[in-house]
């Protein structure tokens, strides 16, 4: 006996301490958050659908207003810029229409990414859920809006008699890659916006500049000697891998390389920051 404790008691306590499970690393907890959120697809899909219904509650056409707005904008731009760029309207209209549809998906993902966690403040404060659910929710919501806007694409392709071939199937994995990018963008900008409230207006301003600098409604060939510089623009690459297959033409030489490289770099950066600051999100909001 030593101070009222026997040697066997110390032994048992040491055995208990040795049997305690090792605390998971931050990286492991971040990975668990992402996988647990993905498994709850029924939840973030239902929440995304609810967001759409609430946003257009009381509206007769609902999300179709976005499709109508995109159609009017594409036709208006085509009437003016087709002459400026000396292009046939039958070629330019599908080019600008698909470009606008994909741009709206990208800008929607980036803009609403800033509200990923701020929008879900009440849920985060009251319910213990994986933080990634809110990112999945935002990406799913934007894909639903994108699906509505895509309804005008076949109409334009048929009306302009645009020839398509087997390359059209490439648009499916391209949209999937955009969704994967949207996920890391939602997590990264969601965390930054929760910590620094100046991020949303900054991102909004950068998107306006990006729209003008990216070949959305103007052909990349119009840059002349500066074409290689624009070709390495990640936003152009994201648009090109979807637009080119739908137009029946090959993608630019480096579009897939730039897009996949941006995806890898973005996820590595986001995962490192998510693992480091994930537990602070609830305090920041």
C-alpha atoms as a PDB file:
ATOM      1  CA  UNK A   1       0.000   0.000   0.000  1.00  0.00           C
ATOM      2  CA  UNK A   2       1.280   3.460  -0.925  1.00  0.00           C
ATOM      3  CA  UNK A   3      -0.844   6.415   0.235  1.00  0.00           C
ATOM      4  CA  UNK A   4      -3.896   4.194   0.374  1.00  0.00           C
ATOM      5  CA  UNK A   5      -3.455   2.706  -3.101  1.00  0.00           C
ATOM      6  CA  UNK A   6      -2.251  -0.753  -3.945  1.00  0.00           C
ATOM      7  CA  UNK A   7       0.075  -1.619  -6.779  1.00  0.00           C
ATOM      8  CA  UNK A   8      -2.701  -3.497  -8.548  1.00  0.00           C
ATOM      9  CA  UNK A   9      -4.817  -0.297  -8.574  1.00  0.00           C
ATOM     10  CA  UNK A  10      -2.050   1.598 -10.346  1.00  0.00           C
ATOM     11  CA  UNK A  11      -1.752  -1.233 -12.832  1.00  0.00           C
ATOM     12  CA  UNK A  12      -5.455  -1.221 -13.607  1.00  0.00           C
ATOM     13  CA  UNK A  13      -5.466   2.542 -14.076  1.00  0.00           C
ATOM     14  CA  UNK A  14      -2.480   2.387 -16.415  1.00  0.00           C
ATOM     15  CA  UNK A  15      -4.253  -0.322 -18.435  1.00  0.00           C
ATOM     16  CA  UNK A  16      -7.348   1.867 -18.729  1.00  0.00           C
ATOM     17  CA  UNK A  17      -5.281   4.838 -19.873  1.00  0.00           C
ATOM     18  CA  UNK A  18      -3.530   2.703 -22.482  1.00  0.00           C
ATOM     19  CA  UNK A  19      -6.880   1.457 -23.811  1.00  0.00           C
ATOM     20  CA  UNK A  20      -8.272   4.966 -24.407  1.00  0.00           C
ATOM     21  CA  UNK A  21      -8.652   5.600 -28.139  1.00  0.00           C
ATOM     22  CA  UNK A  22      -6.247   8.039 -29.733  1.00  0.00           C
ATOM     23  CA  UNK A  23      -7.744  11.471 -30.436  1.00  0.00           C
ATOM     24  CA  UNK A  24      -8.433  11.853 -34.189  1.00  0.00           C
ATOM     25  CA  UNK A  25      -6.303  14.397 -36.002  1.00  0.00           C
ATOM     26  CA  UNK A  26      -7.762  17.594 -37.415  1.00  0.00           C
ATOM     27  CA  UNK A  27      -7.375  16.226 -40.926  1.00  0.00           C
ATOM     28  CA  UNK A  28      -9.278  13.067 -39.965  1.00  0.00           C
ATOM     29  CA  UNK A  29     -12.084  15.104 -38.395  1.00  0.00           C
ATOM     30  CA  UNK A  30     -12.315  17.284 -41.504  1.00  0.00           C
ATOM     31  CA  UNK A  31     -12.508  14.190 -43.724  1.00  0.00           C
ATOM     32  CA  UNK A  32     -15.188  12.709 -41.466  1.00  0.00           C
ATOM     33  CA  UNK A  33     -17.155  15.941 -41.751  1.00  0.00           C
ATOM     34  CA  UNK A  34     -17.027  15.807 -45.563  1.00  0.00           C
ATOM     35  CA  UNK A  35     -17.995  12.134 -45.794  1.00  0.00           C
ATOM     36  CA  UNK A  36     -20.759  12.360 -43.172  1.00  0.00           C
ATOM     37  CA  UNK A  37     -22.184  15.350 -45.010  1.00  0.00           C
ATOM     38  CA  UNK A  38     -22.118  13.486 -48.330  1.00  0.00           C
ATOM     39  CA  UNK A  39     -24.000  10.544 -46.791  1.00  0.00           C
ATOM     40  CA  UNK A  40     -26.832  12.872 -45.748  1.00  0.00           C
ATOM     41  CA  UNK A  41     -27.714  13.661 -49.360  1.00  0.00           C
ATOM     42  CA  UNK A  42     -31.419  13.346 -48.583  1.00  0.00           C
ATOM     43  CA  UNK A  43     -31.088  16.245 -46.150  1.00  0.00           C
ATOM     44  CA  UNK A  44     -29.174  18.768 -48.237  1.00  0.00           C
ATOM     45  CA  UNK A  45     -31.231  17.917 -51.321  1.00  0.00           C
ATOM     46  CA  UNK A  46     -34.452  18.597 -49.419  1.00  0.00           C
ATOM     47  CA  UNK A  47     -33.027  21.820 -47.979  1.00  0.00           C
ATOM     48  CA  UNK A  48     -31.902  22.999 -51.423  1.00  0.00           C
ATOM     49  CA  UNK A  49     -35.346  22.302 -52.862  1.00  0.00           C
ATOM     50  CA  UNK A  50     -36.928  24.167 -49.975  1.00  0.00           C
ATOM     51  CA  UNK A  51     -34.660  27.146 -50.664  1.00  0.00           C
ATOM     52  CA  UNK A  52     -35.860  27.260 -54.266  1.00  0.00           C
ATOM     53  CA  UNK A  53     -39.523  27.068 -53.222  1.00  0.00           C
ATOM     54  CA  UNK A  54     -39.149  29.797 -50.605  1.00  0.00           C
ATOM     55  CA  UNK A  55     -37.251  32.098 -52.952  1.00  0.00           C
ATOM     56  CA  UNK A  56     -39.979  31.969 -55.590  1.00  0.00           C
ATOM     57  CA  UNK A  57     -42.966  31.636 -53.291  1.00  0.00           C
ATOM     58  CA  UNK A  58     -45.907  33.522 -54.738  1.00  0.00           C
ATOM     59  CA  UNK A  59     -44.357  33.651 -58.217  1.00  0.00           C
ATOM     60  CA  UNK A  60     -46.262  32.134 -61.128  1.00  0.00           C
ATOM     61  CA  UNK A  61     -43.226  31.120 -63.193  1.00  0.00           C
ATOM     62  CA  UNK A  62     -40.815  30.585 -60.299  1.00  0.00           C
ATOM     63  CA  UNK A  63     -37.246  29.707 -61.392  1.00  0.00           C
ATOM     64  CA  UNK A  64     -38.301  29.932 -65.019  1.00  0.00           C
ATOM     65  CA  UNK A  65     -37.912  33.704 -64.678  1.00  0.00           C
ATOM     66  CA  UNK A  66     -34.150  33.116 -64.681  1.00  0.00           C
ATOM     67  CA  UNK A  67     -34.423  31.174 -67.936  1.00  0.00           C
ATOM     68  CA  UNK A  68     -36.485  33.935 -69.513  1.00  0.00           C
ATOM     69  CA  UNK A  69     -34.037  36.591 -68.341  1.00  0.00           C
ATOM     70  CA  UNK A  70     -31.094  34.616 -69.718  1.00  0.00           C
ATOM     71  CA  UNK A  71     -32.847  34.156 -73.066  1.00  0.00           C
ATOM     72  CA  UNK A  72     -33.642  37.861 -73.414  1.00  0.00           C
ATOM     73  CA  UNK A  73     -30.101  38.841 -72.428  1.00  0.00           C
ATOM     74  CA  UNK A  74     -28.541  36.367 -74.885  1.00  0.00           C
ATOM     75  CA  UNK A  75     -30.708  37.567 -77.758  1.00  0.00           C
ATOM     76  CA  UNK A  76     -30.011  41.222 -76.961  1.00  0.00           C
ATOM     77  CA  UNK A  77     -26.251  40.695 -76.802  1.00  0.00           C
ATOM     78  CA  UNK A  78     -26.360  38.649 -80.011  1.00  0.00           C
ATOM     79  CA  UNK A  79     -28.126  41.404 -81.935  1.00  0.00           C
ATOM     80  CA  UNK A  80     -25.387  43.881 -81.085  1.00  0.00           C
ATOM     81  CA  UNK A  81     -22.139  41.971 -80.704  1.00  0.00           C
ATOM     82  CA  UNK A  82     -22.628  39.635 -83.658  1.00  0.00           C
ATOM     83  CA  UNK A  83     -22.139  42.679 -85.886  1.00  0.00           C
ATOM     84  CA  UNK A  84     -19.223  44.008 -83.820  1.00  0.00           C
ATOM     85  CA  UNK A  85     -17.357  40.714 -84.090  1.00  0.00           C
ATOM     86  CA  UNK A  86     -18.456  40.114 -87.706  1.00  0.00           C
ATOM     87  CA  UNK A  87     -19.983  36.757 -86.770  1.00  0.00           C
ATOM     88  CA  UNK A  88     -23.088  35.032 -88.071  1.00  0.00           C
ATOM     89  CA  UNK A  89     -26.000  35.286 -85.625  1.00  0.00           C
ATOM     90  CA  UNK A  90     -26.625  31.554 -86.087  1.00  0.00           C
ATOM     91  CA  UNK A  91     -23.111  30.872 -84.747  1.00  0.00           C
ATOM     92  CA  UNK A  92     -22.923  33.628 -82.167  1.00  0.00           C
ATOM     93  CA  UNK A  93     -26.320  33.088 -80.486  1.00  0.00           C
ATOM     94  CA  UNK A  94     -25.645  29.537 -79.213  1.00  0.00           C
ATOM     95  CA  UNK A  95     -22.108  30.597 -78.261  1.00  0.00           C
ATOM     96  CA  UNK A  96     -23.257  33.441 -76.041  1.00  0.00           C
ATOM     97  CA  UNK A  97     -26.326  31.595 -74.713  1.00  0.00           C
ATOM     98  CA  UNK A  98     -24.349  28.619 -73.415  1.00  0.00           C
ATOM     99  CA  UNK A  99     -21.645  30.956 -72.148  1.00  0.00           C
ATOM    100  CA  UNK A 100     -24.178  32.927 -70.108  1.00  0.00           C
ATOM    101  CA  UNK A 101     -25.819  29.782 -68.723  1.00  0.00           C
ATOM    102  CA  UNK A 102     -22.498  28.372 -67.532  1.00  0.00           C
ATOM    103  CA  UNK A 103     -21.362  31.765 -66.255  1.00  0.00           C
ATOM    104  CA  UNK A 104     -24.516  32.066 -64.153  1.00  0.00           C
ATOM    105  CA  UNK A 105     -23.752  28.678 -62.619  1.00  0.00           C
ATOM    106  CA  UNK A 106     -20.186  29.735 -61.789  1.00  0.00           C
ATOM    107  CA  UNK A 107     -21.142  33.186 -60.487  1.00  0.00           C
ATOM    108  CA  UNK A 108     -24.015  31.699 -58.484  1.00  0.00           C
ATOM    109  CA  UNK A 109     -21.704  29.156 -56.860  1.00  0.00           C
ATOM    110  CA  UNK A 110     -19.129  31.814 -55.991  1.00  0.00           C
ATOM    111  CA  UNK A 111     -21.584  34.495 -54.824  1.00  0.00           C
ATOM    112  CA  UNK A 112     -23.647  32.231 -52.587  1.00  0.00           C
ATOM    113  CA  UNK A 113     -20.500  30.519 -51.314  1.00  0.00           C
ATOM    114  CA  UNK A 114     -19.916  33.597 -49.183  1.00  0.00           C
ATOM    115  CA  UNK A 115     -23.220  32.889 -47.389  1.00  0.00           C
ATOM    116  CA  UNK A 116     -22.601  29.170 -46.879  1.00  0.00           C
ATOM    117  CA  UNK A 117     -22.322  29.310 -43.095  1.00  0.00           C
ATOM    118  CA  UNK A 118     -23.804  32.745 -42.438  1.00  0.00           C
ATOM    119  CA  UNK A 119     -27.085  31.670 -44.024  1.00  0.00           C
ATOM    120  CA  UNK A 120     -27.171  28.569 -41.821  1.00  0.00           C
ATOM    121  CA  UNK A 121     -26.363  30.403 -38.578  1.00  0.00           C
ATOM    122  CA  UNK A 122     -29.512  29.249 -36.750  1.00  0.00           C
ATOM    123  CA  UNK A 123     -29.006  25.609 -37.746  1.00  0.00           C
ATOM    124  CA  UNK A 124     -25.322  25.630 -36.787  1.00  0.00           C
ATOM    125  CA  UNK A 125     -26.099  27.127 -33.379  1.00  0.00           C
ATOM    126  CA  UNK A 126     -28.882  24.687 -32.556  1.00  0.00           C
ATOM    127  CA  UNK A 127     -28.175  21.387 -34.324  1.00  0.00           C
ATOM    128  CA  UNK A 128     -24.985  19.317 -34.385  1.00  0.00           C
ATOM    129  CA  UNK A 129     -24.525  18.597 -38.087  1.00  0.00           C
ATOM    130  CA  UNK A 130     -21.473  18.311 -40.339  1.00  0.00           C
ATOM    131  CA  UNK A 131     -20.510  21.771 -41.580  1.00  0.00           C
ATOM    132  CA  UNK A 132     -20.116  20.381 -45.089  1.00  0.00           C
ATOM    133  CA  UNK A 133     -23.880  19.819 -45.332  1.00  0.00           C
ATOM    134  CA  UNK A 134     -24.342  23.551 -45.870  1.00  0.00           C
ATOM    135  CA  UNK A 135     -21.810  23.514 -48.710  1.00  0.00           C
ATOM    136  CA  UNK A 136     -23.525  20.532 -50.356  1.00  0.00           C
ATOM    137  CA  UNK A 137     -26.822  22.345 -49.953  1.00  0.00           C
ATOM    138  CA  UNK A 138     -25.578  25.454 -51.750  1.00  0.00           C
ATOM    139  CA  UNK A 139     -24.054  23.510 -54.643  1.00  0.00           C
ATOM    140  CA  UNK A 140     -27.217  21.423 -55.049  1.00  0.00           C
ATOM    141  CA  UNK A 141     -29.347  24.575 -55.107  1.00  0.00           C
ATOM    142  CA  UNK A 142     -27.241  26.122 -57.856  1.00  0.00           C
ATOM    143  CA  UNK A 143     -27.366  22.923 -59.916  1.00  0.00           C
ATOM    144  CA  UNK A 144     -31.167  23.017 -59.731  1.00  0.00           C
ATOM    145  CA  UNK A 145     -31.161  26.584 -61.059  1.00  0.00           C
ATOM    146  CA  UNK A 146     -28.648  25.552 -63.729  1.00  0.00           C
ATOM    147  CA  UNK A 147     -30.982  22.745 -64.824  1.00  0.00           C
ATOM    148  CA  UNK A 148     -33.766  25.299 -65.369  1.00  0.00           C
ATOM    149  CA  UNK A 149     -31.487  27.528 -67.426  1.00  0.00           C
ATOM    150  CA  UNK A 150     -30.286  24.577 -69.515  1.00  0.00           C
ATOM    151  CA  UNK A 151     -33.812  24.177 -70.862  1.00  0.00           C
ATOM    152  CA  UNK A 152     -33.175  27.050 -73.282  1.00  0.00           C
ATOM    153  CA  UNK A 153     -29.983  25.484 -74.697  1.00  0.00           C
ATOM    154  CA  UNK A 154     -31.595  22.774 -76.897  1.00  0.00           C
ATOM    155  CA  UNK A 155     -34.138  25.337 -78.141  1.00  0.00           C
ATOM    156  CA  UNK A 156     -31.346  27.630 -79.291  1.00  0.00           C
ATOM    157  CA  UNK A 157     -29.321  24.779 -80.806  1.00  0.00           C
ATOM    158  CA  UNK A 158     -32.328  23.561 -82.797  1.00  0.00           C
ATOM    159  CA  UNK A 159     -33.364  27.071 -83.859  1.00  0.00           C
ATOM    160  CA  UNK A 160     -29.872  27.865 -85.159  1.00  0.00           C
ATOM    161  CA  UNK A 161     -29.403  24.369 -86.639  1.00  0.00           C
ATOM    162  CA  UNK A 162     -26.182  23.880 -84.734  1.00  0.00           C
ATOM    163  CA  UNK A 163     -24.622  20.506 -85.510  1.00  0.00           C
ATOM    164  CA  UNK A 164     -23.724  18.428 -82.467  1.00  0.00           C
ATOM    165  CA  UNK A 165     -21.959  15.092 -82.245  1.00  0.00           C
ATOM    166  CA  UNK A 166     -20.739  12.609 -79.659  1.00  0.00           C
ATOM    167  CA  UNK A 167     -18.728  15.372 -77.960  1.00  0.00           C
ATOM    168  CA  UNK A 168     -21.935  16.538 -76.319  1.00  0.00           C
ATOM    169  CA  UNK A 169     -21.447  13.733 -73.771  1.00  0.00           C
ATOM    170  CA  UNK A 170     -18.312  15.488 -72.510  1.00  0.00           C
ATOM    171  CA  UNK A 171     -20.521  18.171 -70.973  1.00  0.00           C
ATOM    172  CA  UNK A 172     -21.750  15.730 -68.304  1.00  0.00           C
ATOM    173  CA  UNK A 173     -18.376  15.106 -66.575  1.00  0.00           C
ATOM    174  CA  UNK A 174     -17.551  18.778 -67.135  1.00  0.00           C
ATOM    175  CA  UNK A 175     -20.570  19.890 -65.085  1.00  0.00           C
ATOM    176  CA  UNK A 176     -19.652  17.292 -62.446  1.00  0.00           C
ATOM    177  CA  UNK A 177     -16.169  18.822 -62.158  1.00  0.00           C
ATOM    178  CA  UNK A 178     -17.733  22.285 -61.804  1.00  0.00           C
ATOM    179  CA  UNK A 179     -19.872  20.951 -58.959  1.00  0.00           C
ATOM    180  CA  UNK A 180     -16.769  19.523 -57.258  1.00  0.00           C
ATOM    181  CA  UNK A 181     -15.139  22.933 -57.583  1.00  0.00           C
ATOM    182  CA  UNK A 182     -18.252  24.583 -56.246  1.00  0.00           C
ATOM    183  CA  UNK A 183     -17.956  22.477 -53.098  1.00  0.00           C
ATOM    184  CA  UNK A 184     -14.458  23.648 -52.164  1.00  0.00           C
ATOM    185  CA  UNK A 185     -15.322  27.218 -53.139  1.00  0.00           C
ATOM    186  CA  UNK A 186     -18.368  27.092 -50.834  1.00  0.00           C
ATOM    187  CA  UNK A 187     -16.314  25.816 -47.900  1.00  0.00           C
ATOM    188  CA  UNK A 188     -13.387  28.189 -48.453  1.00  0.00           C
ATOM    189  CA  UNK A 189     -15.351  31.388 -49.071  1.00  0.00           C
ATOM    190  CA  UNK A 190     -17.891  30.359 -46.444  1.00  0.00           C
ATOM    191  CA  UNK A 191     -15.161  30.217 -43.801  1.00  0.00           C
ATOM    192  CA  UNK A 192     -13.476  33.418 -44.955  1.00  0.00           C
ATOM    193  CA  UNK A 193     -16.790  35.306 -45.026  1.00  0.00           C
ATOM    194  CA  UNK A 194     -17.706  34.050 -41.575  1.00  0.00           C
ATOM    195  CA  UNK A 195     -14.413  35.412 -40.246  1.00  0.00           C
ATOM    196  CA  UNK A 196     -14.132  38.542 -42.399  1.00  0.00           C
ATOM    197  CA  UNK A 197     -17.428  40.182 -43.397  1.00  0.00           C
ATOM    198  CA  UNK A 198     -15.703  42.228 -46.101  1.00  0.00           C
ATOM    199  CA  UNK A 199     -15.238  39.159 -48.283  1.00  0.00           C
ATOM    200  CA  UNK A 200     -18.732  39.103 -49.951  1.00  0.00           C
ATOM    201  CA  UNK A 201     -18.545  42.628 -51.469  1.00  0.00           C
ATOM    202  CA  UNK A 202     -14.957  42.003 -52.560  1.00  0.00           C
ATOM    203  CA  UNK A 203     -15.966  38.774 -54.292  1.00  0.00           C
ATOM    204  CA  UNK A 204     -18.917  40.545 -55.927  1.00  0.00           C
ATOM    205  CA  UNK A 205     -16.622  43.198 -57.385  1.00  0.00           C
ATOM    206  CA  UNK A 206     -14.117  40.601 -58.605  1.00  0.00           C
ATOM    207  CA  UNK A 207     -16.898  38.684 -60.353  1.00  0.00           C
ATOM    208  CA  UNK A 208     -17.924  41.797 -62.281  1.00  0.00           C
ATOM    209  CA  UNK A 209     -14.357  42.247 -63.461  1.00  0.00           C
ATOM    210  CA  UNK A 210     -14.062  38.536 -64.223  1.00  0.00           C
ATOM    211  CA  UNK A 211     -17.173  38.658 -66.406  1.00  0.00           C
ATOM    212  CA  UNK A 212     -15.614  41.346 -68.575  1.00  0.00           C
ATOM    213  CA  UNK A 213     -12.198  39.674 -68.772  1.00  0.00           C
ATOM    214  CA  UNK A 214     -13.506  36.179 -69.515  1.00  0.00           C
ATOM    215  CA  UNK A 215     -14.640  35.116 -73.019  1.00  0.00           C
ATOM    216  CA  UNK A 216     -18.294  34.702 -72.060  1.00  0.00           C
ATOM    217  CA  UNK A 217     -19.953  36.815 -74.745  1.00  0.00           C
ATOM    218  CA  UNK A 218     -16.915  37.595 -76.877  1.00  0.00           C
ATOM    219  CA  UNK A 219     -14.780  35.056 -78.799  1.00  0.00           C
ATOM    220  CA  UNK A 220     -11.335  34.333 -77.412  1.00  0.00           C
ATOM    221  CA  UNK A 221      -9.856  34.773 -80.902  1.00  0.00           C
ATOM    222  CA  UNK A 222     -10.642  38.499 -80.633  1.00  0.00           C
ATOM    223  CA  UNK A 223      -7.644  38.905 -78.301  1.00  0.00           C
ATOM    224  CA  UNK A 224      -5.165  38.157 -81.044  1.00  0.00           C
ATOM    225  CA  UNK A 225      -1.693  37.740 -79.528  1.00  0.00           C
ATOM    226  CA  UNK A 226      -3.193  37.623 -76.011  1.00  0.00           C
ATOM    227  CA  UNK A 227      -5.116  34.420 -76.641  1.00  0.00           C
ATOM    228  CA  UNK A 228      -2.658  32.239 -74.622  1.00  0.00           C
ATOM    229  CA  UNK A 229      -3.130  34.486 -71.587  1.00  0.00           C
ATOM    230  CA  UNK A 230      -6.912  34.135 -71.694  1.00  0.00           C
ATOM    231  CA  UNK A 231      -6.653  30.406 -72.376  1.00  0.00           C
ATOM    232  CA  UNK A 232      -5.101  29.902 -68.929  1.00  0.00           C
ATOM    233  CA  UNK A 233      -7.958  31.714 -67.213  1.00  0.00           C
ATOM    234  CA  UNK A 234      -9.606  29.073 -64.915  1.00  0.00           C
ATOM    235  CA  UNK A 235     -13.037  30.625 -65.451  1.00  0.00           C
ATOM    236  CA  UNK A 236     -12.667  30.378 -69.226  1.00  0.00           C
ATOM    237  CA  UNK A 237     -11.553  26.768 -68.833  1.00  0.00           C
ATOM    238  CA  UNK A 238     -14.656  26.020 -66.738  1.00  0.00           C
ATOM    239  CA  UNK A 239     -16.909  27.558 -69.389  1.00  0.00           C
ATOM    240  CA  UNK A 240     -15.071  26.028 -72.338  1.00  0.00           C
ATOM    241  CA  UNK A 241     -15.281  22.406 -71.145  1.00  0.00           C
ATOM    242  CA  UNK A 242     -19.083  22.721 -71.060  1.00  0.00           C
ATOM    243  CA  UNK A 243     -19.710  25.053 -73.998  1.00  0.00           C
ATOM    244  CA  UNK A 244     -17.424  23.454 -76.592  1.00  0.00           C
ATOM    245  CA  UNK A 245     -19.033  19.966 -76.442  1.00  0.00           C
ATOM    246  CA  UNK A 246     -22.522  21.466 -76.694  1.00  0.00           C
ATOM    247  CA  UNK A 247     -21.436  23.376 -79.798  1.00  0.00           C
ATOM    248  CA  UNK A 248     -19.918  20.240 -81.312  1.00  0.00           C
ATOM    249  CA  UNK A 249     -16.351  21.601 -81.326  1.00  0.00           C
ATOM    250  CA  UNK A 250     -13.243  20.427 -79.449  1.00  0.00           C
ATOM    251  CA  UNK A 251     -12.283  22.186 -76.232  1.00  0.00           C
ATOM    252  CA  UNK A 252      -9.279  24.486 -76.132  1.00  0.00           C
ATOM    253  CA  UNK A 253      -5.930  22.744 -75.820  1.00  0.00           C
ATOM    254  CA  UNK A 254      -5.334  23.513 -72.142  1.00  0.00           C
ATOM    255  CA  UNK A 255      -8.870  23.856 -70.759  1.00  0.00           C
ATOM    256  CA  UNK A 256      -9.060  20.471 -69.029  1.00  0.00           C
ATOM    257  CA  UNK A 257      -5.509  20.767 -67.704  1.00  0.00           C
ATOM    258  CA  UNK A 258      -6.183  24.228 -66.257  1.00  0.00           C
ATOM    259  CA  UNK A 259      -9.517  23.170 -64.780  1.00  0.00           C
ATOM    260  CA  UNK A 260      -8.232  19.980 -63.157  1.00  0.00           C
ATOM    261  CA  UNK A 261      -5.149  21.774 -61.908  1.00  0.00           C
ATOM    262  CA  UNK A 262      -7.310  24.487 -60.342  1.00  0.00           C
ATOM    263  CA  UNK A 263      -9.541  21.826 -58.807  1.00  0.00           C
ATOM    264  CA  UNK A 264      -6.594  20.019 -57.213  1.00  0.00           C
ATOM    265  CA  UNK A 265      -4.961  23.196 -55.910  1.00  0.00           C
ATOM    266  CA  UNK A 266      -8.273  24.536 -54.618  1.00  0.00           C
ATOM    267  CA  UNK A 267      -9.125  21.351 -52.745  1.00  0.00           C
ATOM    268  CA  UNK A 268      -5.667  21.022 -51.187  1.00  0.00           C
ATOM    269  CA  UNK A 269      -5.810  24.589 -49.910  1.00  0.00           C
ATOM    270  CA  UNK A 270      -9.400  24.337 -48.719  1.00  0.00           C
ATOM    271  CA  UNK A 271      -8.899  20.996 -46.990  1.00  0.00           C
ATOM    272  CA  UNK A 272      -5.890  22.309 -45.088  1.00  0.00           C
ATOM    273  CA  UNK A 273      -7.795  25.400 -43.927  1.00  0.00           C
ATOM    274  CA  UNK A 274     -10.957  23.436 -43.178  1.00  0.00           C
ATOM    275  CA  UNK A 275      -9.008  21.007 -41.010  1.00  0.00           C
ATOM    276  CA  UNK A 276      -7.324  23.904 -39.205  1.00  0.00           C
ATOM    277  CA  UNK A 277     -10.318  26.204 -38.620  1.00  0.00           C
ATOM    278  CA  UNK A 278     -13.381  23.955 -38.849  1.00  0.00           C
ATOM    279  CA  UNK A 279     -14.136  24.119 -35.121  1.00  0.00           C
ATOM    280  CA  UNK A 280     -14.035  27.933 -35.138  1.00  0.00           C
ATOM    281  CA  UNK A 281     -16.831  28.382 -37.673  1.00  0.00           C
ATOM    282  CA  UNK A 282     -19.559  28.259 -35.016  1.00  0.00           C
ATOM    283  CA  UNK A 283     -17.813  31.005 -33.041  1.00  0.00           C
ATOM    284  CA  UNK A 284     -17.199  33.213 -36.081  1.00  0.00           C
ATOM    285  CA  UNK A 285     -20.820  33.350 -37.168  1.00  0.00           C
END
